[in-house]
Amino acid sequence: MKASSALCFSVSLANTRAFDDNAGSPRPVFVPRVDKVVVDKSRRRLTLMGRQRVVRSYRISLGGDNRTPSGRYLVAGRNPKSPNHLALRLSRQAPSDTERSGGLLLHGTPDWLGPLGIALKGSDWTTGGIAVANDDIEEIWNLVTDGTPVEIRP
């Protein structure tokens, strides 16, 4: 009888302790606020900046035939139902008379490709926009707020 009592006490103590100290639960990860997005077209990198420090960096795909324009943009909106997984709409901060006033998209890969979308990573396949892997666009979506400045460098 003592052995079964000890076993029950041990199991209940283990369950209580696991609950009390959050064992097995992920610890919160604190990420600095993103206050700028920098796209370096020549290096094919998108970098999230916070307080002039790198928060995250991602490999990107661009528009073929050098269609992705350089310049200063703002994150102007979101499309959660984009055919390219998720999309952030980027609009020009101050378009000149010679520049188109429209914007472009920062997006993931086409949903219909499923896991094969990873094969597009690093190749210039998008139509004038900026593309990242679906896992990356999900992270960017959560870290970057509307109104964040975006600088696209040649």
C-alpha atoms as a PDB file:
ATOM      1  CA  MET A   1       0.000   0.000   0.000  1.00  0.00           C
ATOM      2  CA  LYS A   2       2.881   2.359   0.723  1.00  0.00           C
ATOM      3  CA  ALA A   3       4.350   1.845  -2.746  1.00  0.00           C
ATOM      4  CA  SER A   4       1.139   2.826  -4.529  1.00  0.00           C
ATOM      5  CA  SER A   5       0.709   5.899  -2.291  1.00  0.00           C
ATOM      6  CA  ALA A   6       4.257   7.011  -3.060  1.00  0.00           C
ATOM      7  CA  LEU A   7       3.681   6.500  -6.773  1.00  0.00           C
ATOM      8  CA  CYS A   8       0.475   8.573  -6.746  1.00  0.00           C
ATOM      9  CA  PHE A   9       2.172  11.350  -4.765  1.00  0.00           C
ATOM     10  CA  SER A  10       5.138  11.339  -7.160  1.00  0.00           C
ATOM     11  CA  VAL A  11       2.923  11.591 -10.254  1.00  0.00           C
ATOM     12  CA  SER A  12       0.763  14.342  -8.769  1.00  0.00           C
ATOM     13  CA  LEU A  13       3.852  16.287  -7.644  1.00  0.00           C
ATOM     14  CA  ALA A  14       5.379  16.004 -11.113  1.00  0.00           C
ATOM     15  CA  ASN A  15       2.176  17.255 -12.755  1.00  0.00           C
ATOM     16  CA  THR A  16       1.834  20.157 -10.301  1.00  0.00           C
ATOM     17  CA  ARG A  17       5.454  21.137 -10.678  1.00  0.00           C
ATOM     18  CA  ALA A  18       5.282  20.997 -14.494  1.00  0.00           C
ATOM     19  CA  PHE A  19       2.241  23.246 -14.371  1.00  0.00           C
ATOM     20  CA  ASP A  20       3.757  25.673 -11.850  1.00  0.00           C
ATOM     21  CA  ASP A  21       7.112  26.267 -13.550  1.00  0.00           C
ATOM     22  CA  ASN A  22       5.783  26.124 -17.152  1.00  0.00           C
ATOM     23  CA  ALA A  23       8.072  23.240 -18.023  1.00  0.00           C
ATOM     24  CA  GLY A  24       7.555  22.283 -21.635  1.00  0.00           C
ATOM     25  CA  SER A  25       6.062  25.674 -22.550  1.00  0.00           C
ATOM     26  CA  PRO A  26       8.028  27.925 -24.873  1.00  0.00           C
ATOM     27  CA  ARG A  27       9.660  30.859 -23.178  1.00  0.00           C
ATOM     28  CA  PRO A  28       8.632  34.265 -24.509  1.00  0.00           C
ATOM     29  CA  VAL A  29      10.993  35.700 -27.081  1.00  0.00           C
ATOM     30  CA  PHE A  30      11.401  39.461 -26.951  1.00  0.00           C
ATOM     31  CA  VAL A  31      12.053  41.006 -30.343  1.00  0.00           C
ATOM     32  CA  PRO A  32      12.854  44.705 -30.640  1.00  0.00           C
ATOM     33  CA  ARG A  33      10.302  46.853 -32.425  1.00  0.00           C
ATOM     34  CA  VAL A  34      10.961  47.038 -36.161  1.00  0.00           C
ATOM     35  CA  ASP A  35      11.209  50.666 -37.228  1.00  0.00           C
ATOM     36  CA  LYS A  36      12.639  50.269 -40.743  1.00  0.00           C
ATOM     37  CA  VAL A  37      12.848  47.696 -43.544  1.00  0.00           C
ATOM     38  CA  VAL A  38      15.884  47.776 -45.856  1.00  0.00           C
ATOM     39  CA  VAL A  39      15.924  45.863 -49.148  1.00  0.00           C
ATOM     40  CA  ASP A  40      19.318  45.477 -50.812  1.00  0.00           C
ATOM     41  CA  LYS A  41      18.548  44.342 -54.354  1.00  0.00           C
ATOM     42  CA  SER A  42      22.188  43.639 -55.300  1.00  0.00           C
ATOM     43  CA  ARG A  43      22.658  41.317 -52.290  1.00  0.00           C
ATOM     44  CA  ARG A  44      19.123  39.893 -52.511  1.00  0.00           C
ATOM     45  CA  ARG A  45      18.541  40.614 -48.786  1.00  0.00           C
ATOM     46  CA  LEU A  46      15.672  42.128 -46.823  1.00  0.00           C
ATOM     47  CA  THR A  47      16.676  43.357 -43.368  1.00  0.00           C
ATOM     48  CA  LEU A  48      14.391  44.359 -40.522  1.00  0.00           C
ATOM     49  CA  MET A  49      15.937  47.122 -38.422  1.00  0.00           C
ATOM     50  CA  GLY A  50      15.097  48.201 -34.882  1.00  0.00           C
ATOM     51  CA  ARG A  51      16.908  51.098 -33.200  1.00  0.00           C
ATOM     52  CA  GLN A  52      19.574  50.993 -35.933  1.00  0.00           C
ATOM     53  CA  ARG A  53      20.295  47.318 -35.270  1.00  0.00           C
ATOM     54  CA  VAL A  54      19.512  44.254 -37.344  1.00  0.00           C
ATOM     55  CA  VAL A  55      16.490  42.413 -35.963  1.00  0.00           C
ATOM     56  CA  ARG A  56      16.126  39.811 -38.752  1.00  0.00           C
ATOM     57  CA  SER A  57      17.432  39.284 -42.284  1.00  0.00           C
ATOM     58  CA  TYR A  58      15.936  37.256 -45.146  1.00  0.00           C
ATOM     59  CA  ARG A  59      16.890  36.081 -48.616  1.00  0.00           C
ATOM     60  CA  ILE A  60      14.597  37.568 -51.275  1.00  0.00           C
ATOM     61  CA  SER A  61      13.469  37.099 -54.865  1.00  0.00           C
ATOM     62  CA  LEU A  62      12.864  40.106 -57.111  1.00  0.00           C
ATOM     63  CA  GLY A  63      11.057  40.885 -60.323  1.00  0.00           C
ATOM     64  CA  GLY A  64      12.749  39.543 -63.422  1.00  0.00           C
ATOM     65  CA  ASP A  65      14.368  41.995 -65.884  1.00  0.00           C
ATOM     66  CA  ASN A  66      15.176  44.408 -63.028  1.00  0.00           C
ATOM     67  CA  ARG A  67      11.495  45.380 -62.631  1.00  0.00           C
ATOM     68  CA  THR A  68      11.585  46.004 -58.886  1.00  0.00           C
ATOM     69  CA  PRO A  69      12.100  49.768 -58.514  1.00  0.00           C
ATOM     70  CA  SER A  70      14.404  51.320 -55.936  1.00  0.00           C
ATOM     71  CA  GLY A  71      13.198  54.114 -53.664  1.00  0.00           C
ATOM     72  CA  ARG A  72      11.539  54.956 -50.389  1.00  0.00           C
ATOM     73  CA  TYR A  73       8.226  53.345 -49.503  1.00  0.00           C
ATOM     74  CA  LEU A  74       5.883  52.821 -46.562  1.00  0.00           C
ATOM     75  CA  VAL A  75       4.011  49.677 -45.553  1.00  0.00           C
ATOM     76  CA  ALA A  76       0.562  50.882 -46.596  1.00  0.00           C
ATOM     77  CA  GLY A  77      -1.613  47.824 -46.038  1.00  0.00           C
ATOM     78  CA  ARG A  78      -1.982  44.057 -45.887  1.00  0.00           C
ATOM     79  CA  ASN A  79      -3.650  41.355 -47.902  1.00  0.00           C
ATOM     80  CA  PRO A  80      -4.168  38.159 -45.881  1.00  0.00           C
ATOM     81  CA  LYS A  81      -5.941  36.542 -48.856  1.00  0.00           C
ATOM     82  CA  SER A  82      -3.166  37.137 -51.378  1.00  0.00           C
ATOM     83  CA  PRO A  83      -2.594  34.265 -53.845  1.00  0.00           C
ATOM     84  CA  ASN A  84       1.068  34.579 -52.819  1.00  0.00           C
ATOM     85  CA  HIS A  85       0.410  33.468 -49.222  1.00  0.00           C
ATOM     86  CA  LEU A  86       0.426  36.895 -47.496  1.00  0.00           C
ATOM     87  CA  ALA A  87       1.233  40.304 -48.933  1.00  0.00           C
ATOM     88  CA  LEU A  88       2.242  43.687 -47.567  1.00  0.00           C
ATOM     89  CA  ARG A  89       1.421  46.605 -49.866  1.00  0.00           C
ATOM     90  CA  LEU A  90       4.247  49.132 -50.212  1.00  0.00           C
ATOM     91  CA  SER A  91       3.520  52.639 -51.499  1.00  0.00           C
ATOM     92  CA  ARG A  92       5.921  55.429 -52.411  1.00  0.00           C
ATOM     93  CA  GLN A  93       6.647  57.931 -49.649  1.00  0.00           C
ATOM     94  CA  ALA A  94       6.929  60.890 -52.023  1.00  0.00           C
ATOM     95  CA  PRO A  95       6.649  59.987 -55.699  1.00  0.00           C
ATOM     96  CA  SER A  96       8.180  62.441 -58.146  1.00  0.00           C
ATOM     97  CA  ASP A  97       6.369  63.451 -61.334  1.00  0.00           C
ATOM     98  CA  THR A  98       8.399  60.936 -63.345  1.00  0.00           C
ATOM     99  CA  GLU A  99       7.771  58.021 -60.990  1.00  0.00           C
ATOM    100  CA  ARG A 100       4.606  56.024 -60.862  1.00  0.00           C
ATOM    101  CA  SER A 101       2.674  56.805 -57.717  1.00  0.00           C
ATOM    102  CA  GLY A 102       1.614  53.199 -57.261  1.00  0.00           C
ATOM    103  CA  GLY A 103       3.377  50.705 -55.120  1.00  0.00           C
ATOM    104  CA  LEU A 104       4.501  47.141 -55.065  1.00  0.00           C
ATOM    105  CA  LEU A 105       4.059  44.056 -52.927  1.00  0.00           C
ATOM    106  CA  LEU A 106       6.223  42.206 -50.446  1.00  0.00           C
ATOM    107  CA  HIS A 107       4.796  38.680 -50.471  1.00  0.00           C
ATOM    108  CA  GLY A 108       5.318  34.964 -50.011  1.00  0.00           C
ATOM    109  CA  THR A 109       5.247  32.231 -52.642  1.00  0.00           C
ATOM    110  CA  PRO A 110       2.080  31.042 -54.413  1.00  0.00           C
ATOM    111  CA  ASP A 111      -0.051  28.959 -52.044  1.00  0.00           C
ATOM    112  CA  TRP A 112      -0.853  26.404 -54.740  1.00  0.00           C
ATOM    113  CA  LEU A 113       2.837  25.403 -54.851  1.00  0.00           C
ATOM    114  CA  GLY A 114       2.730  24.202 -51.259  1.00  0.00           C
ATOM    115  CA  PRO A 115       6.122  23.031 -49.972  1.00  0.00           C
ATOM    116  CA  LEU A 116       7.560  23.236 -53.513  1.00  0.00           C
ATOM    117  CA  GLY A 117       7.499  27.052 -53.163  1.00  0.00           C
ATOM    118  CA  ILE A 118      10.862  26.832 -51.404  1.00  0.00           C
ATOM    119  CA  ALA A 119      12.380  26.092 -54.845  1.00  0.00           C
ATOM    120  CA  LEU A 120      11.632  29.712 -55.851  1.00  0.00           C
ATOM    121  CA  LYS A 121      13.739  31.131 -53.017  1.00  0.00           C
ATOM    122  CA  GLY A 122      16.489  33.343 -54.405  1.00  0.00           C
ATOM    123  CA  SER A 123      15.327  33.223 -58.042  1.00  0.00           C
ATOM    124  CA  ASP A 124      13.829  36.319 -59.686  1.00  0.00           C
ATOM    125  CA  TRP A 125      10.315  35.117 -60.455  1.00  0.00           C
ATOM    126  CA  THR A 126       7.924  37.759 -59.130  1.00  0.00           C
ATOM    127  CA  THR A 127       6.414  40.488 -61.314  1.00  0.00           C
ATOM    128  CA  GLY A 128       8.119  43.628 -60.042  1.00  0.00           C
ATOM    129  CA  GLY A 129       7.612  42.868 -56.361  1.00  0.00           C
ATOM    130  CA  ILE A 130       9.687  41.388 -53.566  1.00  0.00           C
ATOM    131  CA  ALA A 131       9.135  37.769 -52.551  1.00  0.00           C
ATOM    132  CA  VAL A 132      10.284  35.741 -49.561  1.00  0.00           C
ATOM    133  CA  ALA A 133       9.591  32.203 -48.349  1.00  0.00           C
ATOM    134  CA  ASN A 134       6.195  31.686 -46.718  1.00  0.00           C
ATOM    135  CA  ASP A 135       7.686  31.152 -43.254  1.00  0.00           C
ATOM    136  CA  ASP A 136       9.573  34.419 -43.691  1.00  0.00           C
ATOM    137  CA  ILE A 137       6.525  36.462 -44.797  1.00  0.00           C
ATOM    138  CA  GLU A 138       4.611  35.167 -41.772  1.00  0.00           C
ATOM    139  CA  GLU A 139       7.363  36.413 -39.474  1.00  0.00           C
ATOM    140  CA  ILE A 140       7.649  39.740 -41.325  1.00  0.00           C
ATOM    141  CA  TRP A 141       3.840  40.126 -41.227  1.00  0.00           C
ATOM    142  CA  ASN A 142       3.927  39.813 -37.424  1.00  0.00           C
ATOM    143  CA  LEU A 143       6.955  42.054 -36.834  1.00  0.00           C
ATOM    144  CA  VAL A 144       6.303  44.947 -39.230  1.00  0.00           C
ATOM    145  CA  THR A 145       3.460  47.401 -38.633  1.00  0.00           C
ATOM    146  CA  ASP A 146       1.623  49.529 -41.171  1.00  0.00           C
ATOM    147  CA  GLY A 147       3.411  52.847 -41.706  1.00  0.00           C
ATOM    148  CA  THR A 148       6.897  51.350 -41.315  1.00  0.00           C
ATOM    149  CA  PRO A 149       9.370  52.961 -43.769  1.00  0.00           C
ATOM    150  CA  VAL A 150      10.885  50.697 -46.425  1.00  0.00           C
ATOM    151  CA  GLU A 151      14.060  51.604 -48.292  1.00  0.00           C
ATOM    152  CA  ILE A 152      14.787  49.676 -51.484  1.00  0.00           C
ATOM    153  CA  ARG A 153      18.417  50.090 -52.503  1.00  0.00           C
ATOM    154  CA  PRO A 154      19.838  49.223 -55.954  1.00  0.00           C
END
